[in-house]
Amino acid sequence: MPDSTKRHPEPQQRHPEPKAKDLIIQIGNQSFTNPIFMASGTFGYGDDLTDLVDYSKLGAIITKGISLEPRAGNPTPRIIETSAGLINSIGLQNIGLKAFLKDKAPLYPKLKTRVIANIFGTSIEEFNELTDAMNRVEALAGIELNISCPNVKKGGVEFGVDPKATTEVVKNARSRTKLPIIVKLTPNVTDMTIIAKAAADEGADALTVSNTFLSMRIDVLKRRPSLATTFGGISGPAILPIILRQVWQVSSAVKIPVIASGGIMTTHDALEYLMAGATAIQIGTATYINPKAAHEILAGIKDYLTSNNLTLQDLIGIAKEG
């Protein structure tokens, strides 16, 4: 995979490679060995790629979204390629809480990385029940709340577009767990900072910026939408410049860590997000093309820090200085 970090001139003097401790980040009461996280929905439940990926080089894996009951997902076709990205309408297909606790959770103490559980519900009560269940999962390092879901008790409006609904979800979760709470924001709002502040004010430990953008394509031969559900969420390089702007804005508006997620394919992409104020990054679509993308990006970040005599903390938000 091409790595555009080579555009940066390298100083004449080489500096020692960053020590492992220099890459550690803190989210709530948990520490992570480095800022490279695997995005929810792209890495299964955490045990899918053990034969291809060195888990010890990952800061964390975020599981596929988990709901109370199993979900079959949307009808096909539900994923299509588009210019510089993918559009998916998987429909949050998953095995449900019971099977997750029985078949997946027992594996996590044996993995060589941290695991964060992504959960979603269609009511506050469902979020509460899922949060309570995650407290019983050994070795879990956090909970990511996917609030890009319809609140069935409020007419189907997404939790994440309503500051009051966001407040209620996060407030309830915070009262039920000591695990770090990461709130995954939706980009489909006019001003993400309003939602970000609402989550931070109620005790969120970090924010993921962000979920996919609502989008569509049309099959010109069939003269119908390409996806069975008409609309889907676009991910990949196409959305990076927009998410980068949102990371800059959100990280300026709150004091908790921001985790960037959107179109990261190379070290250069990751560096941009870190310089814009992200504390960590999530890699998703890139894994479909290159399962070892996370390894290569981490190595590239280390090389950049070494070449420029910087620490990771120096890098975070550096583009805002001056």
C-alpha atoms as a PDB file:
ATOM      1  CA  MET A   1       0.000   0.000   0.000  1.00  0.00           C
ATOM      2  CA  PRO A   2       1.506   3.387  -0.939  1.00  0.00           C
ATOM      3  CA  ASP A   3       2.433   5.571   1.979  1.00  0.00           C
ATOM      4  CA  SER A   4       2.437   9.265   1.262  1.00  0.00           C
ATOM      5  CA  THR A   5       4.364  10.171   4.430  1.00  0.00           C
ATOM      6  CA  LYS A   6       7.441  10.183   2.198  1.00  0.00           C
ATOM      7  CA  ARG A   7       6.468  13.677   1.149  1.00  0.00           C
ATOM      8  CA  HIS A   8       7.785  14.914   4.519  1.00  0.00           C
ATOM      9  CA  PRO A   9      11.470  15.842   4.404  1.00  0.00           C
ATOM     10  CA  GLU A  10      13.530  13.843   6.869  1.00  0.00           C
ATOM     11  CA  PRO A  11      15.998  15.696   9.077  1.00  0.00           C
ATOM     12  CA  GLN A  12      19.650  14.809   8.729  1.00  0.00           C
ATOM     13  CA  GLN A  13      19.938  13.506  12.273  1.00  0.00           C
ATOM     14  CA  ARG A  14      18.157  10.254  13.209  1.00  0.00           C
ATOM     15  CA  HIS A  15      16.639  10.035  16.666  1.00  0.00           C
ATOM     16  CA  PRO A  16      15.902   6.973  18.780  1.00  0.00           C
ATOM     17  CA  GLU A  17      12.671   5.154  17.962  1.00  0.00           C
ATOM     18  CA  PRO A  18       9.861   5.997  20.410  1.00  0.00           C
ATOM     19  CA  LYS A  19       9.765   3.668  23.387  1.00  0.00           C
ATOM     20  CA  ALA A  20       6.642   1.573  23.829  1.00  0.00           C
ATOM     21  CA  LYS A  21       5.561   3.648  26.817  1.00  0.00           C
ATOM     22  CA  ASP A  22       5.635   6.795  24.681  1.00  0.00           C
ATOM     23  CA  LEU A  23       2.791   5.479  22.505  1.00  0.00           C
ATOM     24  CA  ILE A  24       0.457   4.685  25.410  1.00  0.00           C
ATOM     25  CA  ILE A  25      -2.821   6.586  25.486  1.00  0.00           C
ATOM     26  CA  GLN A  26      -5.359   6.857  28.285  1.00  0.00           C
ATOM     27  CA  ILE A  27      -9.149   6.710  27.943  1.00  0.00           C
ATOM     28  CA  GLY A  28     -11.010   6.911  31.215  1.00  0.00           C
ATOM     29  CA  ASN A  29      -9.503   4.444  33.664  1.00  0.00           C
ATOM     30  CA  GLN A  30      -7.929   2.266  30.945  1.00  0.00           C
ATOM     31  CA  SER A  31      -4.634   2.541  29.089  1.00  0.00           C
ATOM     32  CA  PHE A  32      -3.878   1.311  25.582  1.00  0.00           C
ATOM     33  CA  THR A  33      -0.444   0.443  24.229  1.00  0.00           C
ATOM     34  CA  ASN A  34      -0.853   2.579  21.101  1.00  0.00           C
ATOM     35  CA  PRO A  35      -3.468   4.756  19.340  1.00  0.00           C
ATOM     36  CA  ILE A  36      -4.371   2.257  16.580  1.00  0.00           C
ATOM     37  CA  PHE A  37      -7.891   0.861  17.057  1.00  0.00           C
ATOM     38  CA  MET A  38      -9.818  -1.435  14.717  1.00  0.00           C
ATOM     39  CA  ALA A  39     -13.213   0.048  13.850  1.00  0.00           C
ATOM     40  CA  SER A  40     -16.492  -1.608  14.757  1.00  0.00           C
ATOM     41  CA  GLY A  41     -18.079  -3.610  11.970  1.00  0.00           C
ATOM     42  CA  THR A  42     -14.831  -4.242  10.122  1.00  0.00           C
ATOM     43  CA  PHE A  43     -13.062  -6.658  12.468  1.00  0.00           C
ATOM     44  CA  GLY A  44     -15.870  -8.981  13.517  1.00  0.00           C
ATOM     45  CA  TYR A  45     -16.074  -9.758  17.232  1.00  0.00           C
ATOM     46  CA  GLY A  46     -12.316  -9.596  17.666  1.00  0.00           C
ATOM     47  CA  ASP A  47     -11.326 -13.203  17.014  1.00  0.00           C
ATOM     48  CA  ASP A  48     -11.795 -13.313  13.256  1.00  0.00           C
ATOM     49  CA  LEU A  49      -8.313 -12.411  11.989  1.00  0.00           C
ATOM     50  CA  THR A  50      -5.973 -14.044  14.487  1.00  0.00           C
ATOM     51  CA  ASP A  51      -4.210 -15.920  11.659  1.00  0.00           C
ATOM     52  CA  LEU A  52      -3.533 -12.750   9.656  1.00  0.00           C
ATOM     53  CA  VAL A  53      -2.933  -9.973  12.174  1.00  0.00           C
ATOM     54  CA  ASP A  54      -0.485  -9.600  15.051  1.00  0.00           C
ATOM     55  CA  TYR A  55      -2.904  -8.489  17.747  1.00  0.00           C
ATOM     56  CA  SER A  56      -0.093  -7.353  20.040  1.00  0.00           C
ATOM     57  CA  LYS A  57       0.502  -4.429  17.641  1.00  0.00           C
ATOM     58  CA  LEU A  58      -3.066  -3.159  17.976  1.00  0.00           C
ATOM     59  CA  GLY A  59      -4.111  -0.636  20.577  1.00  0.00           C
ATOM     60  CA  ALA A  60      -7.625  -2.082  20.691  1.00  0.00           C
ATOM     61  CA  ILE A  61     -10.289  -3.921  18.745  1.00  0.00           C
ATOM     62  CA  ILE A  62     -13.826  -2.582  18.752  1.00  0.00           C
ATOM     63  CA  THR A  63     -16.358  -5.343  18.245  1.00  0.00           C
ATOM     64  CA  LYS A  64     -19.108  -5.542  15.700  1.00  0.00           C
ATOM     65  CA  GLY A  65     -22.220  -3.848  17.087  1.00  0.00           C
ATOM     66  CA  ILE A  66     -24.112  -5.956  19.629  1.00  0.00           C
ATOM     67  CA  SER A  67     -27.866  -5.772  20.249  1.00  0.00           C
ATOM     68  CA  LEU A  68     -30.073  -7.543  22.778  1.00  0.00           C
ATOM     69  CA  GLU A  69     -31.531  -9.932  20.217  1.00  0.00           C
ATOM     70  CA  PRO A  70     -29.852 -11.408  17.107  1.00  0.00           C
ATOM     71  CA  ARG A  71     -30.367  -9.451  13.904  1.00  0.00           C
ATOM     72  CA  ALA A  72     -30.350 -10.897  10.389  1.00  0.00           C
ATOM     73  CA  GLY A  73     -29.582  -7.523   8.860  1.00  0.00           C
ATOM     74  CA  ASN A  74     -30.923  -6.004   5.660  1.00  0.00           C
ATOM     75  CA  PRO A  75     -31.720  -7.796   2.387  1.00  0.00           C
ATOM     76  CA  THR A  76     -29.140  -7.919  -0.379  1.00  0.00           C
ATOM     77  CA  PRO A  77     -27.619  -6.177  -2.204  1.00  0.00           C
ATOM     78  CA  ARG A  78     -26.391  -4.366   0.866  1.00  0.00           C
ATOM     79  CA  ILE A  79     -22.832  -3.332   0.019  1.00  0.00           C
ATOM     80  CA  ILE A  80     -21.422  -1.687  -3.100  1.00  0.00           C
ATOM     81  CA  GLU A  81     -18.123  -0.124  -4.093  1.00  0.00           C
ATOM     82  CA  THR A  82     -18.099   3.490  -5.128  1.00  0.00           C
ATOM     83  CA  SER A  83     -15.460   6.067  -5.980  1.00  0.00           C
ATOM     84  CA  ALA A  84     -12.963   6.101  -3.104  1.00  0.00           C
ATOM     85  CA  GLY A  85     -15.080   4.077  -0.729  1.00  0.00           C
ATOM     86  CA  LEU A  86     -17.802   1.588   0.130  1.00  0.00           C
ATOM     87  CA  ILE A  87     -21.489   2.083   0.767  1.00  0.00           C
ATOM     88  CA  ASN A  88     -23.023  -0.452   3.099  1.00  0.00           C
ATOM     89  CA  SER A  89     -26.455  -1.179   4.439  1.00  0.00           C
ATOM     90  CA  ILE A  90     -25.672  -4.284   6.468  1.00  0.00           C
ATOM     91  CA  GLY A  91     -28.379  -3.409   8.950  1.00  0.00           C
ATOM     92  CA  LEU A  92     -26.311  -4.085  12.078  1.00  0.00           C
ATOM     93  CA  GLN A  93     -26.422  -7.848  11.606  1.00  0.00           C
ATOM     94  CA  ASN A  94     -25.111  -9.574  14.729  1.00  0.00           C
ATOM     95  CA  ILE A  95     -25.430 -12.670  16.900  1.00  0.00           C
ATOM     96  CA  GLY A  96     -27.156 -10.921  19.798  1.00  0.00           C
ATOM     97  CA  LEU A  97     -26.179 -10.496  23.445  1.00  0.00           C
ATOM     98  CA  LYS A  98     -26.750 -14.075  24.623  1.00  0.00           C
ATOM     99  CA  ALA A  99     -24.523 -15.637  21.961  1.00  0.00           C
ATOM    100  CA  PHE A 100     -21.940 -12.883  22.406  1.00  0.00           C
ATOM    101  CA  LEU A 101     -21.628 -13.582  26.121  1.00  0.00           C
ATOM    102  CA  LYS A 102     -21.484 -17.347  25.568  1.00  0.00           C
ATOM    103  CA  ASP A 103     -19.271 -17.669  22.490  1.00  0.00           C
ATOM    104  CA  LYS A 104     -17.197 -14.500  22.148  1.00  0.00           C
ATOM    105  CA  ALA A 105     -16.631 -12.838  25.508  1.00  0.00           C
ATOM    106  CA  PRO A 106     -14.736 -15.826  27.023  1.00  0.00           C
ATOM    107  CA  LEU A 107     -12.063 -15.426  24.323  1.00  0.00           C
ATOM    108  CA  TYR A 108     -11.079 -11.875  25.239  1.00  0.00           C
ATOM    109  CA  PRO A 109      -8.755 -12.543  28.190  1.00  0.00           C
ATOM    110  CA  LYS A 110      -6.614 -14.613  25.810  1.00  0.00           C
ATOM    111  CA  LEU A 111      -6.273 -11.989  23.081  1.00  0.00           C
ATOM    112  CA  LYS A 112      -3.055  -9.975  22.950  1.00  0.00           C
ATOM    113  CA  THR A 113      -4.852  -6.644  22.789  1.00  0.00           C
ATOM    114  CA  ARG A 114      -7.647  -4.715  24.473  1.00  0.00           C
ATOM    115  CA  VAL A 115     -11.280  -5.199  23.426  1.00  0.00           C
ATOM    116  CA  ILE A 116     -14.004  -2.558  23.431  1.00  0.00           C
ATOM    117  CA  ALA A 117     -17.620  -3.660  22.947  1.00  0.00           C
ATOM    118  CA  ASN A 118     -19.792  -1.651  20.564  1.00  0.00           C
ATOM    119  CA  ILE A 119     -23.455  -1.728  21.633  1.00  0.00           C
ATOM    120  CA  PHE A 120     -26.663  -0.299  20.213  1.00  0.00           C
ATOM    121  CA  GLY A 121     -30.330  -0.235  21.112  1.00  0.00           C
ATOM    122  CA  THR A 122     -33.622   1.269  20.001  1.00  0.00           C
ATOM    123  CA  SER A 123     -34.588   2.464  23.485  1.00  0.00           C
ATOM    124  CA  ILE A 124     -32.889   3.666  26.652  1.00  0.00           C
ATOM    125  CA  GLU A 125     -33.920   0.424  28.340  1.00  0.00           C
ATOM    126  CA  GLU A 126     -32.067  -1.644  25.725  1.00  0.00           C
ATOM    127  CA  PHE A 127     -28.909   0.452  26.111  1.00  0.00           C
ATOM    128  CA  ASN A 128     -29.175   0.015  29.884  1.00  0.00           C
ATOM    129  CA  GLU A 129     -29.518  -3.763  29.699  1.00  0.00           C
ATOM    130  CA  LEU A 130     -26.574  -4.052  27.308  1.00  0.00           C
ATOM    131  CA  THR A 131     -24.413  -1.833  29.498  1.00  0.00           C
ATOM    132  CA  ASP A 132     -25.211  -3.943  32.560  1.00  0.00           C
ATOM    133  CA  ALA A 133     -24.248  -7.091  30.643  1.00  0.00           C
ATOM    134  CA  MET A 134     -20.891  -5.659  29.548  1.00  0.00           C
ATOM    135  CA  ASN A 135     -19.920  -5.165  33.186  1.00  0.00           C
ATOM    136  CA  ARG A 136     -19.784  -8.970  33.425  1.00  0.00           C
ATOM    137  CA  VAL A 137     -17.354  -9.426  30.502  1.00  0.00           C
ATOM    138  CA  GLU A 138     -13.880 -10.235  31.744  1.00  0.00           C
ATOM    139  CA  ALA A 139     -11.018  -8.171  30.334  1.00  0.00           C
ATOM    140  CA  LEU A 140     -13.295  -5.703  28.533  1.00  0.00           C
ATOM    141  CA  ALA A 141     -11.570  -2.318  28.201  1.00  0.00           C
ATOM    142  CA  GLY A 142     -14.561  -0.140  27.391  1.00  0.00           C
ATOM    143  CA  ILE A 143     -17.965   0.322  25.800  1.00  0.00           C
ATOM    144  CA  GLU A 144     -18.603   2.197  22.565  1.00  0.00           C
ATOM    145  CA  LEU A 145     -22.175   3.470  22.373  1.00  0.00           C
ATOM    146  CA  ASN A 146     -23.492   3.562  18.824  1.00  0.00           C
ATOM    147  CA  ILE A 147     -26.091   6.320  19.020  1.00  0.00           C
ATOM    148  CA  SER A 148     -26.756   6.365  15.266  1.00  0.00           C
ATOM    149  CA  CYS A 149     -29.822   4.215  15.861  1.00  0.00           C
ATOM    150  CA  PRO A 150     -33.548   5.069  15.786  1.00  0.00           C
ATOM    151  CA  ASN A 151     -35.188   5.824  19.108  1.00  0.00           C
ATOM    152  CA  VAL A 152     -38.447   3.902  18.649  1.00  0.00           C
ATOM    153  CA  LYS A 153     -40.082   5.711  21.553  1.00  0.00           C
ATOM    154  CA  LYS A 154     -39.403   9.095  19.946  1.00  0.00           C
ATOM    155  CA  GLY A 155     -40.772   8.469  16.484  1.00  0.00           C
ATOM    156  CA  GLY A 156     -37.704   6.757  15.069  1.00  0.00           C
ATOM    157  CA  VAL A 157     -35.378   9.778  15.251  1.00  0.00           C
ATOM    158  CA  GLU A 158     -31.732   8.801  15.753  1.00  0.00           C
ATOM    159  CA  PHE A 159     -30.442   9.215  19.314  1.00  0.00           C
ATOM    160  CA  GLY A 160     -27.337  10.867  17.908  1.00  0.00           C
ATOM    161  CA  VAL A 161     -29.074  13.793  16.205  1.00  0.00           C
ATOM    162  CA  ASP A 162     -30.914  14.868  19.373  1.00  0.00           C
ATOM    163  CA  PRO A 163     -28.826  16.397  22.197  1.00  0.00           C
ATOM    164  CA  LYS A 164     -31.485  15.471  24.774  1.00  0.00           C
ATOM    165  CA  ALA A 165     -31.577  11.831  23.650  1.00  0.00           C
ATOM    166  CA  THR A 166     -27.765  11.716  23.615  1.00  0.00           C
ATOM    167  CA  THR A 167     -27.722  13.124  27.132  1.00  0.00           C
ATOM    168  CA  GLU A 168     -30.142  10.471  28.351  1.00  0.00           C
ATOM    169  CA  VAL A 169     -28.255   7.540  26.793  1.00  0.00           C
ATOM    170  CA  VAL A 170     -24.861   8.641  28.103  1.00  0.00           C
ATOM    171  CA  LYS A 171     -26.157   9.642  31.546  1.00  0.00           C
ATOM    172  CA  ASN A 172     -27.755   6.235  32.024  1.00  0.00           C
ATOM    173  CA  ALA A 173     -24.699   4.345  30.801  1.00  0.00           C
ATOM    174  CA  ARG A 174     -22.392   6.394  33.023  1.00  0.00           C
ATOM    175  CA  SER A 175     -24.472   5.570  36.088  1.00  0.00           C
ATOM    176  CA  ARG A 176     -24.290   1.828  35.339  1.00  0.00           C
ATOM    177  CA  THR A 177     -20.606   1.191  34.612  1.00  0.00           C
ATOM    178  CA  LYS A 178     -17.089   2.157  35.590  1.00  0.00           C
ATOM    179  CA  LEU A 179     -15.785   1.051  32.196  1.00  0.00           C
ATOM    180  CA  PRO A 180     -14.711   3.817  29.814  1.00  0.00           C
ATOM    181  CA  ILE A 181     -17.639   5.049  27.736  1.00  0.00           C
ATOM    182  CA  ILE A 182     -16.883   6.035  24.158  1.00  0.00           C
ATOM    183  CA  VAL A 183     -19.741   7.663  22.255  1.00  0.00           C
ATOM    184  CA  LYS A 184     -19.753   7.086  18.506  1.00  0.00           C
ATOM    185  CA  LEU A 185     -21.190  10.207  16.924  1.00  0.00           C
ATOM    186  CA  THR A 186     -23.163  10.442  13.714  1.00  0.00           C
ATOM    187  CA  PRO A 187     -21.899  12.874  11.060  1.00  0.00           C
ATOM    188  CA  ASN A 188     -25.440  13.431   9.772  1.00  0.00           C
ATOM    189  CA  VAL A 189     -26.027  16.556  11.846  1.00  0.00           C
ATOM    190  CA  THR A 190     -25.667  20.270  11.242  1.00  0.00           C
ATOM    191  CA  ASP A 191     -23.305  20.886  14.172  1.00  0.00           C
ATOM    192  CA  MET A 192     -21.584  17.851  15.695  1.00  0.00           C
ATOM    193  CA  THR A 193     -20.095  19.907  18.541  1.00  0.00           C
ATOM    194  CA  ILE A 194     -23.534  20.280  20.137  1.00  0.00           C
ATOM    195  CA  ILE A 195     -23.920  16.505  20.404  1.00  0.00           C
ATOM    196  CA  ALA A 196     -20.275  16.110  21.430  1.00  0.00           C
ATOM    197  CA  LYS A 197     -20.660  18.543  24.321  1.00  0.00           C
ATOM    198  CA  ALA A 198     -23.855  16.836  25.448  1.00  0.00           C
ATOM    199  CA  ALA A 199     -22.045  13.487  25.615  1.00  0.00           C
ATOM    200  CA  ALA A 200     -18.986  14.938  27.336  1.00  0.00           C
ATOM    201  CA  ASP A 201     -21.073  16.772  29.920  1.00  0.00           C
ATOM    202  CA  GLU A 202     -22.751  13.510  30.966  1.00  0.00           C
ATOM    203  CA  GLY A 203     -19.509  11.645  31.578  1.00  0.00           C
ATOM    204  CA  ALA A 204     -18.381  10.202  28.250  1.00  0.00           C
ATOM    205  CA  ASP A 205     -14.682   9.351  28.405  1.00  0.00           C
ATOM    206  CA  ALA A 206     -14.067   9.724  24.660  1.00  0.00           C
ATOM    207  CA  LEU A 207     -15.859  10.395  21.382  1.00  0.00           C
ATOM    208  CA  THR A 208     -15.570   8.526  18.094  1.00  0.00           C
ATOM    209  CA  VAL A 209     -15.786  10.922  15.150  1.00  0.00           C
ATOM    210  CA  SER A 210     -17.560   9.491  13.373  1.00  0.00           C
ATOM    211  CA  ASN A 211     -19.988   7.018  11.856  1.00  0.00           C
ATOM    212  CA  THR A 212     -20.732   6.755   8.116  1.00  0.00           C
ATOM    213  CA  PHE A 213     -22.501   9.353   5.976  1.00  0.00           C
ATOM    214  CA  LEU A 214     -25.935   8.582   4.572  1.00  0.00           C
ATOM    215  CA  SER A 215     -25.559   8.076   0.816  1.00  0.00           C
ATOM    216  CA  MET A 216     -26.770   6.157  -2.221  1.00  0.00           C
ATOM    217  CA  ARG A 217     -26.004   5.027  -5.791  1.00  0.00           C
ATOM    218  CA  ILE A 218     -28.295   4.093  -8.684  1.00  0.00           C
ATOM    219  CA  ASP A 219     -27.885   1.090 -10.962  1.00  0.00           C
ATOM    220  CA  VAL A 220     -28.393   2.689 -14.388  1.00  0.00           C
ATOM    221  CA  LEU A 221     -29.042  -0.655 -16.080  1.00  0.00           C
ATOM    222  CA  LYS A 222     -31.797  -1.666 -13.667  1.00  0.00           C
ATOM    223  CA  ARG A 223     -32.867   1.965 -13.183  1.00  0.00           C
ATOM    224  CA  ARG A 224     -33.197   1.324  -9.493  1.00  0.00           C
ATOM    225  CA  PRO A 225     -31.191   2.165  -6.359  1.00  0.00           C
ATOM    226  CA  SER A 226     -28.096  -0.044  -6.094  1.00  0.00           C
ATOM    227  CA  LEU A 227     -28.895  -1.023  -2.505  1.00  0.00           C
ATOM    228  CA  ALA A 228     -32.020  -2.924  -1.500  1.00  0.00           C
ATOM    229  CA  THR A 229     -32.626  -0.330   1.215  1.00  0.00           C
ATOM    230  CA  THR A 230     -31.965   2.614  -1.159  1.00  0.00           C
ATOM    231  CA  PHE A 231     -29.674   4.390   1.309  1.00  0.00           C
ATOM    232  CA  GLY A 232     -26.519   3.215   3.036  1.00  0.00           C
ATOM    233  CA  GLY A 233     -23.503   4.569   4.877  1.00  0.00           C
ATOM    234  CA  ILE A 234     -20.394   5.563   2.956  1.00  0.00           C
ATOM    235  CA  SER A 235     -16.949   4.885   4.392  1.00  0.00           C
ATOM    236  CA  GLY A 236     -13.436   5.049   2.979  1.00  0.00           C
ATOM    237  CA  PRO A 237     -11.151   7.816   1.640  1.00  0.00           C
ATOM    238  CA  ALA A 238     -14.048   9.793   0.151  1.00  0.00           C
ATOM    239  CA  ILE A 239     -15.138  11.000   3.587  1.00  0.00           C
ATOM    240  CA  LEU A 240     -11.716  11.746   5.110  1.00  0.00           C
ATOM    241  CA  PRO A 241     -11.628  15.512   4.431  1.00  0.00           C
ATOM    242  CA  ILE A 242     -15.073  15.962   5.987  1.00  0.00           C
ATOM    243  CA  ILE A 243     -14.363  13.844   9.063  1.00  0.00           C
ATOM    244  CA  LEU A 244     -11.006  15.598   9.450  1.00  0.00           C
ATOM    245  CA  ARG A 245     -12.874  18.895   9.708  1.00  0.00           C
ATOM    246  CA  GLN A 246     -15.224  17.409  12.280  1.00  0.00           C
ATOM    247  CA  VAL A 247     -12.326  16.006  14.344  1.00  0.00           C
ATOM    248  CA  TRP A 248     -10.751  19.469  14.380  1.00  0.00           C
ATOM    249  CA  GLN A 249     -14.008  21.075  15.512  1.00  0.00           C
ATOM    250  CA  VAL A 250     -14.978  18.465  18.118  1.00  0.00           C
ATOM    251  CA  SER A 251     -11.509  18.211  19.653  1.00  0.00           C
ATOM    252  CA  SER A 252     -11.550  21.999  20.018  1.00  0.00           C
ATOM    253  CA  ALA A 253     -14.951  21.920  21.704  1.00  0.00           C
ATOM    254  CA  VAL A 254     -14.411  19.187  24.338  1.00  0.00           C
ATOM    255  CA  LYS A 255     -11.643  18.213  26.736  1.00  0.00           C
ATOM    256  CA  ILE A 256     -11.996  14.437  26.414  1.00  0.00           C
ATOM    257  CA  PRO A 257     -10.130  12.330  23.824  1.00  0.00           C
ATOM    258  CA  VAL A 258     -11.425  12.172  20.274  1.00  0.00           C
ATOM    259  CA  ILE A 259     -10.968   8.973  18.275  1.00  0.00           C
ATOM    260  CA  ALA A 260     -10.921   9.637  14.532  1.00  0.00           C
ATOM    261  CA  SER A 261     -12.666   7.207  12.204  1.00  0.00           C
ATOM    262  CA  GLY A 262     -13.069   7.838   8.505  1.00  0.00           C
ATOM    263  CA  GLY A 263     -11.080   6.837   5.450  1.00  0.00           C
ATOM    264  CA  ILE A 264      -7.707   6.118   7.046  1.00  0.00           C
ATOM    265  CA  MET A 265      -5.711   4.134   4.483  1.00  0.00           C
ATOM    266  CA  THR A 266      -2.118   5.303   5.016  1.00  0.00           C
ATOM    267  CA  THR A 267       0.186   6.717   7.664  1.00  0.00           C
ATOM    268  CA  HIS A 268      -0.274  10.136   6.116  1.00  0.00           C
ATOM    269  CA  ASP A 269      -4.028   9.925   6.735  1.00  0.00           C
ATOM    270  CA  ALA A 270      -3.466   8.934  10.349  1.00  0.00           C
ATOM    271  CA  LEU A 271      -0.990  11.762  10.901  1.00  0.00           C
ATOM    272  CA  GLU A 272      -3.482  14.304   9.599  1.00  0.00           C
ATOM    273  CA  TYR A 273      -6.073  13.164  12.122  1.00  0.00           C
ATOM    274  CA  LEU A 274      -3.602  13.206  15.000  1.00  0.00           C
ATOM    275  CA  MET A 275      -2.401  16.675  14.027  1.00  0.00           C
ATOM    276  CA  ALA A 276      -6.034  17.836  13.898  1.00  0.00           C
ATOM    277  CA  GLY A 277      -6.547  16.822  17.528  1.00  0.00           C
ATOM    278  CA  ALA A 278      -7.364  13.108  17.566  1.00  0.00           C
ATOM    279  CA  THR A 279      -5.871  11.076  20.402  1.00  0.00           C
ATOM    280  CA  ALA A 280      -6.411   7.765  18.594  1.00  0.00           C
ATOM    281  CA  ILE A 281      -7.637   6.519  15.233  1.00  0.00           C
ATOM    282  CA  GLN A 282      -9.868   3.709  14.027  1.00  0.00           C
ATOM    283  CA  ILE A 283      -9.006   1.729  10.910  1.00  0.00           C
ATOM    284  CA  GLY A 284     -11.893   0.148   9.048  1.00  0.00           C
ATOM    285  CA  THR A 285     -12.263  -0.040   5.267  1.00  0.00           C
ATOM    286  CA  ALA A 286      -8.480  -0.283   4.796  1.00  0.00           C
ATOM    287  CA  THR A 287      -8.527  -3.703   6.462  1.00  0.00           C
ATOM    288  CA  TYR A 288     -10.636  -5.121   3.622  1.00  0.00           C
ATOM    289  CA  ILE A 289      -7.896  -4.186   1.167  1.00  0.00           C
ATOM    290  CA  ASN A 290      -4.916  -4.969   3.363  1.00  0.00           C
ATOM    291  CA  PRO A 291      -5.399  -6.885   6.649  1.00  0.00           C
ATOM    292  CA  LYS A 292      -2.022  -5.612   7.827  1.00  0.00           C
ATOM    293  CA  ALA A 293      -2.852  -1.945   7.225  1.00  0.00           C
ATOM    294  CA  ALA A 294      -2.856  -1.247  10.973  1.00  0.00           C
ATOM    295  CA  HIS A 295       0.660  -2.664  11.354  1.00  0.00           C
ATOM    296  CA  GLU A 296       1.974  -0.541   8.513  1.00  0.00           C
ATOM    297  CA  ILE A 297       0.309   2.619   9.773  1.00  0.00           C
ATOM    298  CA  LEU A 298       1.664   2.131  13.301  1.00  0.00           C
ATOM    299  CA  ALA A 299       5.168   1.587  11.902  1.00  0.00           C
ATOM    300  CA  GLY A 300       4.793   4.736   9.817  1.00  0.00           C
ATOM    301  CA  ILE A 301       3.731   6.803  12.819  1.00  0.00           C
ATOM    302  CA  LYS A 302       6.738   5.564  14.787  1.00  0.00           C
ATOM    303  CA  ASP A 303       9.041   6.450  11.895  1.00  0.00           C
ATOM    304  CA  TYR A 304       7.543   9.924  11.580  1.00  0.00           C
ATOM    305  CA  LEU A 305       7.961  10.583  15.305  1.00  0.00           C
ATOM    306  CA  THR A 306      11.542   9.366  15.172  1.00  0.00           C
ATOM    307  CA  SER A 307      12.417  11.370  12.071  1.00  0.00           C
ATOM    308  CA  ASN A 308      10.963  14.569  13.476  1.00  0.00           C
ATOM    309  CA  ASN A 309      12.056  14.122  17.107  1.00  0.00           C
ATOM    310  CA  LEU A 310       8.460  14.257  18.335  1.00  0.00           C
ATOM    311  CA  THR A 311       6.415  12.340  20.884  1.00  0.00           C
ATOM    312  CA  LEU A 312       2.874  11.184  20.254  1.00  0.00           C
ATOM    313  CA  GLN A 313       1.608  13.832  22.669  1.00  0.00           C
ATOM    314  CA  ASP A 314       3.547  16.477  20.746  1.00  0.00           C
ATOM    315  CA  LEU A 315       1.760  15.406  17.583  1.00  0.00           C
ATOM    316  CA  ILE A 316      -1.800  15.504  18.911  1.00  0.00           C
ATOM    317  CA  GLY A 317      -3.332  18.821  17.839  1.00  0.00           C
ATOM    318  CA  ILE A 318      -0.029  20.225  16.607  1.00  0.00           C
ATOM    319  CA  ALA A 319      -1.656  21.726  13.501  1.00  0.00           C
ATOM    320  CA  LYS A 320      -3.682  24.044  15.745  1.00  0.00           C
ATOM    321  CA  GLU A 321      -0.621  25.667  17.265  1.00  0.00           C
ATOM    322  CA  GLY A 322       0.376  29.131  16.205  1.00  0.00           C
END
